[in-house]
Amino acid sequence: MSNENSSPIVVKIGGSLMETADGMDALWSALQSLRAQAPVTIVHGGGTQMSDMADRLDHTPRRVQGRRVTTDLDLEIAKWTMSGALNTQLVAQAAAHDLTAVGLSGADSCQVQVSKRPPWDINGERVDFGWVGDIEAIDSSLLESLLAQGIMPIVAPLGIDEEGQLYNVNADTVASALAGALQARELLFVTGTGGVRRNADDPESHLSTCDAETFDVGVAEGWIEGGMRVKMKTALDALRNGVSQAFVCAPDDLVARSQATEVIA
């Protein structure tokens, strides 16, 4: 058993990973090893499953710069998939791998306190993101209590405002904010590619490290975009907020990180 008073590790996984049996097997094996080192909190997304549910409802979600626009229906879908089916599924899988977990959303105990995102001006268009929340504050006391008891929290990325309204919140942003509040030793973003590449189709273009300057260049040149752009930005934010290390890595490289990209502020 790990030292429950030690600085925790925050692991963020996406919905696409949860669709692959091999990836999840590798993830749970790695999480067992990580739990021997430190307390672990998981934050999960579910964009793939939300899109699948939207297809079943003949609804086409919209994304802008890797971030989902959340209509009334999209918010219901987020609750059904992320805070419902996926969160419960992950808790059950944890139990099958001898890990004691509790499923939560950011709304539980008002952990992730948000306000409605104002419209953004993007490429000459004013974009209203709908029921998307921007994080205003984090209350990590519930997570800290669970971690101290040797329990692994699994957090779905919903937030709540002062009026009790629920919001969809980008999972990478939630992971970054929780890692900062917990003063985590590590923030680990788990992806299929296992890191940042200058050419998404060329493993040889993999970067072992990526700092803020390289991130800016990658965004300007277009090879850091979409979901990876959000991951890199939130990783840099976490480092500035006191997280010791941040990595983008594959599920089977979660412990060794020999092929990971380390994000450097």
C-alpha atoms as a PDB file:
ATOM      1  CA  MET A   1       0.000   0.000   0.000  1.00  0.00           C
ATOM      2  CA  SER A   2       1.209   3.453  -0.858  1.00  0.00           C
ATOM      3  CA  ASN A   3       1.817   6.273   1.560  1.00  0.00           C
ATOM      4  CA  GLU A   4      -1.628   7.911   1.573  1.00  0.00           C
ATOM      5  CA  ASN A   5      -0.151  11.177   2.830  1.00  0.00           C
ATOM      6  CA  SER A   6       2.168  11.525  -0.147  1.00  0.00           C
ATOM      7  CA  SER A   7       1.513  13.862  -3.051  1.00  0.00           C
ATOM      8  CA  PRO A   8      -0.999  12.263  -5.439  1.00  0.00           C
ATOM      9  CA  ILE A   9      -0.911  11.424  -9.128  1.00  0.00           C
ATOM     10  CA  VAL A  10      -3.725  12.600 -11.414  1.00  0.00           C
ATOM     11  CA  VAL A  11      -4.410  10.469 -14.500  1.00  0.00           C
ATOM     12  CA  LYS A  12      -6.676  11.699 -17.292  1.00  0.00           C
ATOM     13  CA  ILE A  13      -8.118   9.184 -19.750  1.00  0.00           C
ATOM     14  CA  GLY A  14     -10.295   9.831 -22.788  1.00  0.00           C
ATOM     15  CA  GLY A  15     -13.364   8.105 -24.107  1.00  0.00           C
ATOM     16  CA  SER A  16     -11.537   6.644 -27.112  1.00  0.00           C
ATOM     17  CA  LEU A  17      -9.215   4.681 -24.791  1.00  0.00           C
ATOM     18  CA  MET A  18     -12.221   3.194 -23.017  1.00  0.00           C
ATOM     19  CA  GLU A  19     -13.295   1.659 -26.345  1.00  0.00           C
ATOM     20  CA  THR A  20     -10.147  -0.518 -26.565  1.00  0.00           C
ATOM     21  CA  ALA A  21      -9.840  -3.653 -24.443  1.00  0.00           C
ATOM     22  CA  ASP A  22      -6.038  -3.854 -24.834  1.00  0.00           C
ATOM     23  CA  GLY A  23      -5.613  -0.202 -23.886  1.00  0.00           C
ATOM     24  CA  MET A  24      -7.757  -0.574 -20.783  1.00  0.00           C
ATOM     25  CA  ASP A  25      -5.968  -3.765 -19.715  1.00  0.00           C
ATOM     26  CA  ALA A  26      -2.649  -1.922 -19.977  1.00  0.00           C
ATOM     27  CA  LEU A  27      -4.110   1.062 -18.113  1.00  0.00           C
ATOM     28  CA  TRP A  28      -5.386  -0.950 -15.146  1.00  0.00           C
ATOM     29  CA  SER A  29      -2.109  -2.848 -14.863  1.00  0.00           C
ATOM     30  CA  ALA A  30      -0.236   0.469 -14.815  1.00  0.00           C
ATOM     31  CA  LEU A  31      -2.636   1.972 -12.272  1.00  0.00           C
ATOM     32  CA  GLN A  32      -1.979  -0.936  -9.921  1.00  0.00           C
ATOM     33  CA  SER A  33       1.735  -0.086 -10.103  1.00  0.00           C
ATOM     34  CA  LEU A  34       1.124   3.641  -9.654  1.00  0.00           C
ATOM     35  CA  ARG A  35      -1.049   3.003  -6.603  1.00  0.00           C
ATOM     36  CA  ALA A  36       1.937   1.301  -4.991  1.00  0.00           C
ATOM     37  CA  GLN A  37       3.787   4.626  -5.273  1.00  0.00           C
ATOM     38  CA  ALA A  38       1.185   7.254  -4.415  1.00  0.00           C
ATOM     39  CA  PRO A  39      -2.552   7.960  -4.189  1.00  0.00           C
ATOM     40  CA  VAL A  40      -4.187   8.210  -7.618  1.00  0.00           C
ATOM     41  CA  THR A  41      -7.141  10.235  -8.916  1.00  0.00           C
ATOM     42  CA  ILE A  42      -8.616   9.468 -12.336  1.00  0.00           C
ATOM     43  CA  VAL A  43     -10.412  12.048 -14.455  1.00  0.00           C
ATOM     44  CA  HIS A  44     -12.175  10.678 -17.518  1.00  0.00           C
ATOM     45  CA  GLY A  45     -13.724  12.147 -20.608  1.00  0.00           C
ATOM     46  CA  GLY A  46     -16.250  10.513 -22.864  1.00  0.00           C
ATOM     47  CA  GLY A  47     -16.380  12.409 -26.112  1.00  0.00           C
ATOM     48  CA  THR A  48     -16.466   9.230 -28.201  1.00  0.00           C
ATOM     49  CA  GLN A  49     -19.414   7.833 -26.262  1.00  0.00           C
ATOM     50  CA  MET A  50     -21.209  11.187 -26.304  1.00  0.00           C
ATOM     51  CA  SER A  51     -20.858  11.306 -30.087  1.00  0.00           C
ATOM     52  CA  ASP A  52     -22.151   7.735 -30.381  1.00  0.00           C
ATOM     53  CA  MET A  53     -25.187   8.596 -28.272  1.00  0.00           C
ATOM     54  CA  ALA A  54     -25.741  11.765 -30.302  1.00  0.00           C
ATOM     55  CA  ASP A  55     -25.700   9.675 -33.499  1.00  0.00           C
ATOM     56  CA  ARG A  56     -28.388   7.412 -32.046  1.00  0.00           C
ATOM     57  CA  LEU A  57     -30.465  10.541 -31.426  1.00  0.00           C
ATOM     58  CA  ASP A  58     -29.759  11.954 -34.924  1.00  0.00           C
ATOM     59  CA  HIS A  59     -27.899  14.865 -33.362  1.00  0.00           C
ATOM     60  CA  THR A  60     -24.605  16.267 -34.671  1.00  0.00           C
ATOM     61  CA  PRO A  61     -22.437  17.870 -31.950  1.00  0.00           C
ATOM     62  CA  ARG A  62     -20.218  20.796 -32.846  1.00  0.00           C
ATOM     63  CA  ARG A  63     -16.589  21.287 -31.810  1.00  0.00           C
ATOM     64  CA  VAL A  64     -14.522  24.465 -31.936  1.00  0.00           C
ATOM     65  CA  GLN A  65     -10.739  24.202 -31.391  1.00  0.00           C
ATOM     66  CA  GLY A  66     -11.163  20.787 -29.766  1.00  0.00           C
ATOM     67  CA  ARG A  67     -13.899  21.966 -27.406  1.00  0.00           C
ATOM     68  CA  ARG A  68     -17.490  20.783 -27.597  1.00  0.00           C
ATOM     69  CA  VAL A  69     -20.420  23.162 -27.920  1.00  0.00           C
ATOM     70  CA  THR A  70     -23.017  21.944 -25.392  1.00  0.00           C
ATOM     71  CA  THR A  71     -26.684  22.419 -26.250  1.00  0.00           C
ATOM     72  CA  ASP A  72     -29.511  21.351 -23.921  1.00  0.00           C
ATOM     73  CA  LEU A  73     -29.435  17.910 -25.528  1.00  0.00           C
ATOM     74  CA  ASP A  74     -25.638  17.692 -25.373  1.00  0.00           C
ATOM     75  CA  LEU A  75     -25.766  18.363 -21.630  1.00  0.00           C
ATOM     76  CA  GLU A  76     -28.278  15.551 -21.141  1.00  0.00           C
ATOM     77  CA  ILE A  77     -26.033  13.274 -23.204  1.00  0.00           C
ATOM     78  CA  ALA A  78     -23.027  14.265 -21.042  1.00  0.00           C
ATOM     79  CA  LYS A  79     -24.927  13.309 -17.903  1.00  0.00           C
ATOM     80  CA  TRP A  80     -26.144   9.999 -19.343  1.00  0.00           C
ATOM     81  CA  THR A  81     -22.774   8.911 -20.700  1.00  0.00           C
ATOM     82  CA  MET A  82     -20.031  10.409 -18.542  1.00  0.00           C
ATOM     83  CA  SER A  83     -21.578  10.765 -15.101  1.00  0.00           C
ATOM     84  CA  GLY A  84     -23.731   7.686 -15.688  1.00  0.00           C
ATOM     85  CA  ALA A  85     -22.580   4.746 -17.770  1.00  0.00           C
ATOM     86  CA  LEU A  86     -18.848   5.441 -18.139  1.00  0.00           C
ATOM     87  CA  ASN A  87     -18.189   6.477 -14.560  1.00  0.00           C
ATOM     88  CA  THR A  88     -19.954   3.407 -13.184  1.00  0.00           C
ATOM     89  CA  GLN A  89     -18.193   1.158 -15.691  1.00  0.00           C
ATOM     90  CA  LEU A  90     -14.781   2.460 -14.604  1.00  0.00           C
ATOM     91  CA  VAL A  91     -15.583   1.905 -10.920  1.00  0.00           C
ATOM     92  CA  ALA A  92     -16.555  -1.687 -11.703  1.00  0.00           C
ATOM     93  CA  GLN A  93     -13.381  -2.267 -13.721  1.00  0.00           C
ATOM     94  CA  ALA A  94     -11.298  -0.855 -10.871  1.00  0.00           C
ATOM     95  CA  ALA A  95     -12.892  -3.345  -8.481  1.00  0.00           C
ATOM     96  CA  ALA A  96     -12.065  -6.175 -10.893  1.00  0.00           C
ATOM     97  CA  HIS A  97      -8.409  -5.090 -10.646  1.00  0.00           C
ATOM     98  CA  ASP A  98      -8.371  -4.958  -6.828  1.00  0.00           C
ATOM     99  CA  LEU A  99      -8.549  -1.173  -6.718  1.00  0.00           C
ATOM    100  CA  THR A 100     -11.077   0.449  -4.401  1.00  0.00           C
ATOM    101  CA  ALA A 101     -12.683   3.337  -6.267  1.00  0.00           C
ATOM    102  CA  VAL A 102     -15.521   5.818  -5.848  1.00  0.00           C
ATOM    103  CA  GLY A 103     -17.257   7.390  -8.830  1.00  0.00           C
ATOM    104  CA  LEU A 104     -17.937  11.117  -8.658  1.00  0.00           C
ATOM    105  CA  SER A 105     -18.640  14.070 -10.864  1.00  0.00           C
ATOM    106  CA  GLY A 106     -17.249  17.548 -10.407  1.00  0.00           C
ATOM    107  CA  ALA A 107     -20.677  18.562  -9.103  1.00  0.00           C
ATOM    108  CA  ASP A 108     -20.408  16.275  -6.059  1.00  0.00           C
ATOM    109  CA  SER A 109     -19.629  18.346  -2.984  1.00  0.00           C
ATOM    110  CA  CYS A 110     -19.268  21.296  -5.415  1.00  0.00           C
ATOM    111  CA  GLN A 111     -15.755  20.152  -6.251  1.00  0.00           C
ATOM    112  CA  VAL A 112     -15.638  21.873  -9.625  1.00  0.00           C
ATOM    113  CA  GLN A 113     -17.263  25.286  -9.324  1.00  0.00           C
ATOM    114  CA  VAL A 114     -17.893  26.972 -12.647  1.00  0.00           C
ATOM    115  CA  SER A 115     -19.537  29.864 -14.426  1.00  0.00           C
ATOM    116  CA  LYS A 116     -21.117  29.774 -17.863  1.00  0.00           C
ATOM    117  CA  ARG A 117     -18.524  30.386 -20.547  1.00  0.00           C
ATOM    118  CA  PRO A 118     -19.098  33.713 -22.290  1.00  0.00           C
ATOM    119  CA  PRO A 119     -19.092  33.744 -26.109  1.00  0.00           C
ATOM    120  CA  TRP A 120     -15.664  33.610 -27.749  1.00  0.00           C
ATOM    121  CA  ASP A 121     -14.595  35.376 -30.934  1.00  0.00           C
ATOM    122  CA  ILE A 122     -12.933  32.689 -33.061  1.00  0.00           C
ATOM    123  CA  ASN A 123     -11.801  33.318 -36.634  1.00  0.00           C
ATOM    124  CA  GLY A 124     -14.271  36.159 -37.016  1.00  0.00           C
ATOM    125  CA  GLU A 125     -17.199  34.192 -35.549  1.00  0.00           C
ATOM    126  CA  ARG A 126     -18.809  34.763 -32.162  1.00  0.00           C
ATOM    127  CA  VAL A 127     -19.171  31.265 -30.682  1.00  0.00           C
ATOM    128  CA  ASP A 128     -21.615  30.533 -27.859  1.00  0.00           C
ATOM    129  CA  PHE A 129     -20.525  27.269 -26.246  1.00  0.00           C
ATOM    130  CA  GLY A 130     -23.895  26.735 -24.534  1.00  0.00           C
ATOM    131  CA  TRP A 131     -23.798  24.772 -21.273  1.00  0.00           C
ATOM    132  CA  VAL A 132     -20.024  24.736 -21.041  1.00  0.00           C
ATOM    133  CA  GLY A 133     -18.539  25.789 -17.734  1.00  0.00           C
ATOM    134  CA  ASP A 134     -15.327  27.691 -17.080  1.00  0.00           C
ATOM    135  CA  ILE A 135     -13.757  26.740 -13.771  1.00  0.00           C
ATOM    136  CA  GLU A 136     -13.895  29.419 -11.089  1.00  0.00           C
ATOM    137  CA  ALA A 137     -12.752  27.417  -8.053  1.00  0.00           C
ATOM    138  CA  ILE A 138     -11.877  23.900  -6.941  1.00  0.00           C
ATOM    139  CA  ASP A 139     -12.778  22.379  -3.577  1.00  0.00           C
ATOM    140  CA  SER A 140     -10.481  19.384  -3.263  1.00  0.00           C
ATOM    141  CA  SER A 141     -11.438  18.476   0.322  1.00  0.00           C
ATOM    142  CA  LEU A 142     -13.584  15.482  -0.693  1.00  0.00           C
ATOM    143  CA  LEU A 143     -10.842  14.088  -2.925  1.00  0.00           C
ATOM    144  CA  GLU A 144      -8.249  14.599  -0.207  1.00  0.00           C
ATOM    145  CA  SER A 145     -10.439  12.714   2.277  1.00  0.00           C
ATOM    146  CA  LEU A 146     -10.938   9.803  -0.112  1.00  0.00           C
ATOM    147  CA  LEU A 147      -7.254   9.638  -1.025  1.00  0.00           C
ATOM    148  CA  ALA A 148      -6.288   9.609   2.651  1.00  0.00           C
ATOM    149  CA  GLN A 149      -8.491   6.529   3.087  1.00  0.00           C
ATOM    150  CA  GLY A 150      -6.782   4.691   0.247  1.00  0.00           C
ATOM    151  CA  ILE A 151      -9.741   5.169  -2.104  1.00  0.00           C
ATOM    152  CA  MET A 152      -9.219   6.085  -5.755  1.00  0.00           C
ATOM    153  CA  PRO A 153     -11.638   8.792  -6.934  1.00  0.00           C
ATOM    154  CA  ILE A 154     -12.863   8.531 -10.526  1.00  0.00           C
ATOM    155  CA  VAL A 155     -14.181  11.927 -11.599  1.00  0.00           C
ATOM    156  CA  ALA A 156     -16.541  12.735 -14.473  1.00  0.00           C
ATOM    157  CA  PRO A 157     -16.052  16.256 -15.887  1.00  0.00           C
ATOM    158  CA  LEU A 158     -19.267  17.985 -14.908  1.00  0.00           C
ATOM    159  CA  GLY A 159     -19.229  21.277 -12.987  1.00  0.00           C
ATOM    160  CA  ILE A 160     -21.811  23.221 -11.018  1.00  0.00           C
ATOM    161  CA  ASP A 161     -22.533  26.921 -10.542  1.00  0.00           C
ATOM    162  CA  GLU A 162     -23.879  28.860  -7.564  1.00  0.00           C
ATOM    163  CA  GLU A 163     -27.466  28.257  -8.711  1.00  0.00           C
ATOM    164  CA  GLY A 164     -27.007  24.487  -8.936  1.00  0.00           C
ATOM    165  CA  GLN A 165     -26.892  24.435 -12.735  1.00  0.00           C
ATOM    166  CA  LEU A 166     -24.807  21.615 -14.189  1.00  0.00           C
ATOM    167  CA  TYR A 167     -22.284  22.239 -16.954  1.00  0.00           C
ATOM    168  CA  ASN A 168     -20.126  20.196 -19.264  1.00  0.00           C
ATOM    169  CA  VAL A 169     -16.457  20.954 -18.588  1.00  0.00           C
ATOM    170  CA  ASN A 170     -13.509  19.889 -20.712  1.00  0.00           C
ATOM    171  CA  ALA A 171     -11.983  16.828 -19.015  1.00  0.00           C
ATOM    172  CA  ASP A 172      -8.395  17.945 -19.635  1.00  0.00           C
ATOM    173  CA  THR A 173      -9.199  21.246 -17.929  1.00  0.00           C
ATOM    174  CA  VAL A 174     -10.758  19.447 -14.958  1.00  0.00           C
ATOM    175  CA  ALA A 175      -7.727  17.162 -14.618  1.00  0.00           C
ATOM    176  CA  SER A 176      -5.368  20.135 -14.701  1.00  0.00           C
ATOM    177  CA  ALA A 177      -7.371  22.114 -12.142  1.00  0.00           C
ATOM    178  CA  LEU A 178      -7.715  19.165  -9.748  1.00  0.00           C
ATOM    179  CA  ALA A 179      -3.999  18.379 -10.073  1.00  0.00           C
ATOM    180  CA  GLY A 180      -3.178  21.976  -9.178  1.00  0.00           C
ATOM    181  CA  ALA A 181      -5.529  21.992  -6.193  1.00  0.00           C
ATOM    182  CA  LEU A 182      -4.081  18.702  -4.941  1.00  0.00           C
ATOM    183  CA  GLN A 183      -0.515  19.869  -5.644  1.00  0.00           C
ATOM    184  CA  ALA A 184      -0.037  16.606  -7.484  1.00  0.00           C
ATOM    185  CA  ARG A 185       3.379  15.151  -8.090  1.00  0.00           C
ATOM    186  CA  GLU A 186       2.371  14.164 -11.630  1.00  0.00           C
ATOM    187  CA  LEU A 187      -0.366  14.884 -14.155  1.00  0.00           C
ATOM    188  CA  LEU A 188      -0.565  12.128 -16.783  1.00  0.00           C
ATOM    189  CA  PHE A 189      -2.591  12.521 -19.974  1.00  0.00           C
ATOM    190  CA  VAL A 190      -3.131   9.084 -21.518  1.00  0.00           C
ATOM    191  CA  THR A 191      -3.486   8.984 -25.328  1.00  0.00           C
ATOM    192  CA  GLY A 192      -3.301   6.422 -28.099  1.00  0.00           C
ATOM    193  CA  THR A 193      -0.295   8.072 -29.744  1.00  0.00           C
ATOM    194  CA  GLY A 194       1.546   8.214 -26.432  1.00  0.00           C
ATOM    195  CA  GLY A 195       2.920  11.707 -26.903  1.00  0.00           C
ATOM    196  CA  VAL A 196       3.223  14.760 -29.121  1.00  0.00           C
ATOM    197  CA  ARG A 197       4.288  14.415 -32.757  1.00  0.00           C
ATOM    198  CA  ARG A 198       5.220  17.009 -35.352  1.00  0.00           C
ATOM    199  CA  ASN A 199       3.476  14.745 -37.864  1.00  0.00           C
ATOM    200  CA  ALA A 200       0.559  12.784 -36.416  1.00  0.00           C
ATOM    201  CA  ASP A 201       1.157   9.887 -38.849  1.00  0.00           C
ATOM    202  CA  ASP A 202       4.913   9.641 -38.284  1.00  0.00           C
ATOM    203  CA  PRO A 203       6.106   8.041 -35.019  1.00  0.00           C
ATOM    204  CA  GLU A 204       9.623   9.246 -35.825  1.00  0.00           C
ATOM    205  CA  SER A 205       8.452  12.846 -35.331  1.00  0.00           C
ATOM    206  CA  HIS A 206       7.738  12.169 -31.657  1.00  0.00           C
ATOM    207  CA  LEU A 207       8.889  14.832 -29.158  1.00  0.00           C
ATOM    208  CA  SER A 208      10.446  13.658 -25.896  1.00  0.00           C
ATOM    209  CA  THR A 209       9.811  17.088 -24.360  1.00  0.00           C
ATOM    210  CA  CYS A 210       7.600  20.039 -25.235  1.00  0.00           C
ATOM    211  CA  ASP A 211       7.938  23.440 -23.611  1.00  0.00           C
ATOM    212  CA  ALA A 212       5.778  26.562 -23.888  1.00  0.00           C
ATOM    213  CA  GLU A 213       7.754  27.933 -26.830  1.00  0.00           C
ATOM    214  CA  THR A 214       7.486  24.676 -28.780  1.00  0.00           C
ATOM    215  CA  PHE A 215       3.766  24.596 -27.995  1.00  0.00           C
ATOM    216  CA  ASP A 216       3.304  28.086 -29.425  1.00  0.00           C
ATOM    217  CA  VAL A 217       5.216  27.106 -32.572  1.00  0.00           C
ATOM    218  CA  GLY A 218       3.197  23.903 -32.929  1.00  0.00           C
ATOM    219  CA  VAL A 219      -0.077  25.793 -32.654  1.00  0.00           C
ATOM    220  CA  ALA A 220       1.073  28.438 -35.157  1.00  0.00           C
ATOM    221  CA  GLU A 221       2.242  25.788 -37.649  1.00  0.00           C
ATOM    222  CA  GLY A 222      -0.844  23.632 -37.147  1.00  0.00           C
ATOM    223  CA  TRP A 223       0.699  20.391 -35.883  1.00  0.00           C
ATOM    224  CA  ILE A 224      -0.591  20.948 -32.362  1.00  0.00           C
ATOM    225  CA  GLU A 225      -4.346  21.281 -32.723  1.00  0.00           C
ATOM    226  CA  GLY A 226      -7.688  20.005 -31.494  1.00  0.00           C
ATOM    227  CA  GLY A 227      -7.576  17.813 -28.406  1.00  0.00           C
ATOM    228  CA  MET A 228      -3.776  17.814 -28.191  1.00  0.00           C
ATOM    229  CA  ARG A 229      -3.782  21.607 -28.136  1.00  0.00           C
ATOM    230  CA  VAL A 230      -6.093  21.533 -25.108  1.00  0.00           C
ATOM    231  CA  LYS A 231      -3.985  18.877 -23.368  1.00  0.00           C
ATOM    232  CA  MET A 232      -0.779  20.834 -23.844  1.00  0.00           C
ATOM    233  CA  LYS A 233      -2.289  24.103 -22.682  1.00  0.00           C
ATOM    234  CA  THR A 234      -3.815  22.565 -19.558  1.00  0.00           C
ATOM    235  CA  ALA A 235      -0.594  20.694 -18.793  1.00  0.00           C
ATOM    236  CA  LEU A 236       1.347  23.966 -18.921  1.00  0.00           C
ATOM    237  CA  ASP A 237      -1.307  25.577 -16.683  1.00  0.00           C
ATOM    238  CA  ALA A 238      -0.934  22.743 -14.162  1.00  0.00           C
ATOM    239  CA  LEU A 239       2.844  23.152 -14.006  1.00  0.00           C
ATOM    240  CA  ARG A 240       2.423  26.874 -13.370  1.00  0.00           C
ATOM    241  CA  ASN A 241      -0.032  26.028 -10.578  1.00  0.00           C
ATOM    242  CA  GLY A 242       2.372  23.839  -8.629  1.00  0.00           C
ATOM    243  CA  VAL A 243       2.146  20.391 -10.235  1.00  0.00           C
ATOM    244  CA  SER A 244       5.626  18.890 -10.281  1.00  0.00           C
ATOM    245  CA  GLN A 245       5.587  17.042 -13.618  1.00  0.00           C
ATOM    246  CA  ALA A 246       3.250  16.534 -16.569  1.00  0.00           C
ATOM    247  CA  PHE A 247       3.399  13.918 -19.317  1.00  0.00           C
ATOM    248  CA  VAL A 248       1.462  12.769 -22.370  1.00  0.00           C
ATOM    249  CA  CYS A 249       1.842   8.990 -22.549  1.00  0.00           C
ATOM    250  CA  ALA A 250       0.378   5.733 -23.826  1.00  0.00           C
ATOM    251  CA  PRO A 251      -1.491   3.398 -21.444  1.00  0.00           C
ATOM    252  CA  ASP A 252       1.275   0.773 -21.604  1.00  0.00           C
ATOM    253  CA  ASP A 253       3.900   3.461 -20.899  1.00  0.00           C
ATOM    254  CA  LEU A 254       2.189   5.029 -17.913  1.00  0.00           C
ATOM    255  CA  VAL A 255       4.840   3.878 -15.436  1.00  0.00           C
ATOM    256  CA  ALA A 256       8.108   3.845 -17.434  1.00  0.00           C
ATOM    257  CA  ARG A 257       7.219   6.812 -19.674  1.00  0.00           C
ATOM    258  CA  SER A 258      10.108   5.846 -21.932  1.00  0.00           C
ATOM    259  CA  GLN A 259       8.216   6.989 -25.031  1.00  0.00           C
ATOM    260  CA  ALA A 260       6.190   9.772 -23.420  1.00  0.00           C
ATOM    261  CA  THR A 261       6.339  13.508 -24.045  1.00  0.00           C
ATOM    262  CA  GLU A 262       7.208  15.460 -20.916  1.00  0.00           C
ATOM    263  CA  VAL A 263       5.633  18.899 -20.823  1.00  0.00           C
ATOM    264  CA  ILE A 264       7.980  21.571 -19.491  1.00  0.00           C
ATOM    265  CA  ALA A 265       6.812  25.013 -18.398  1.00  0.00           C
END
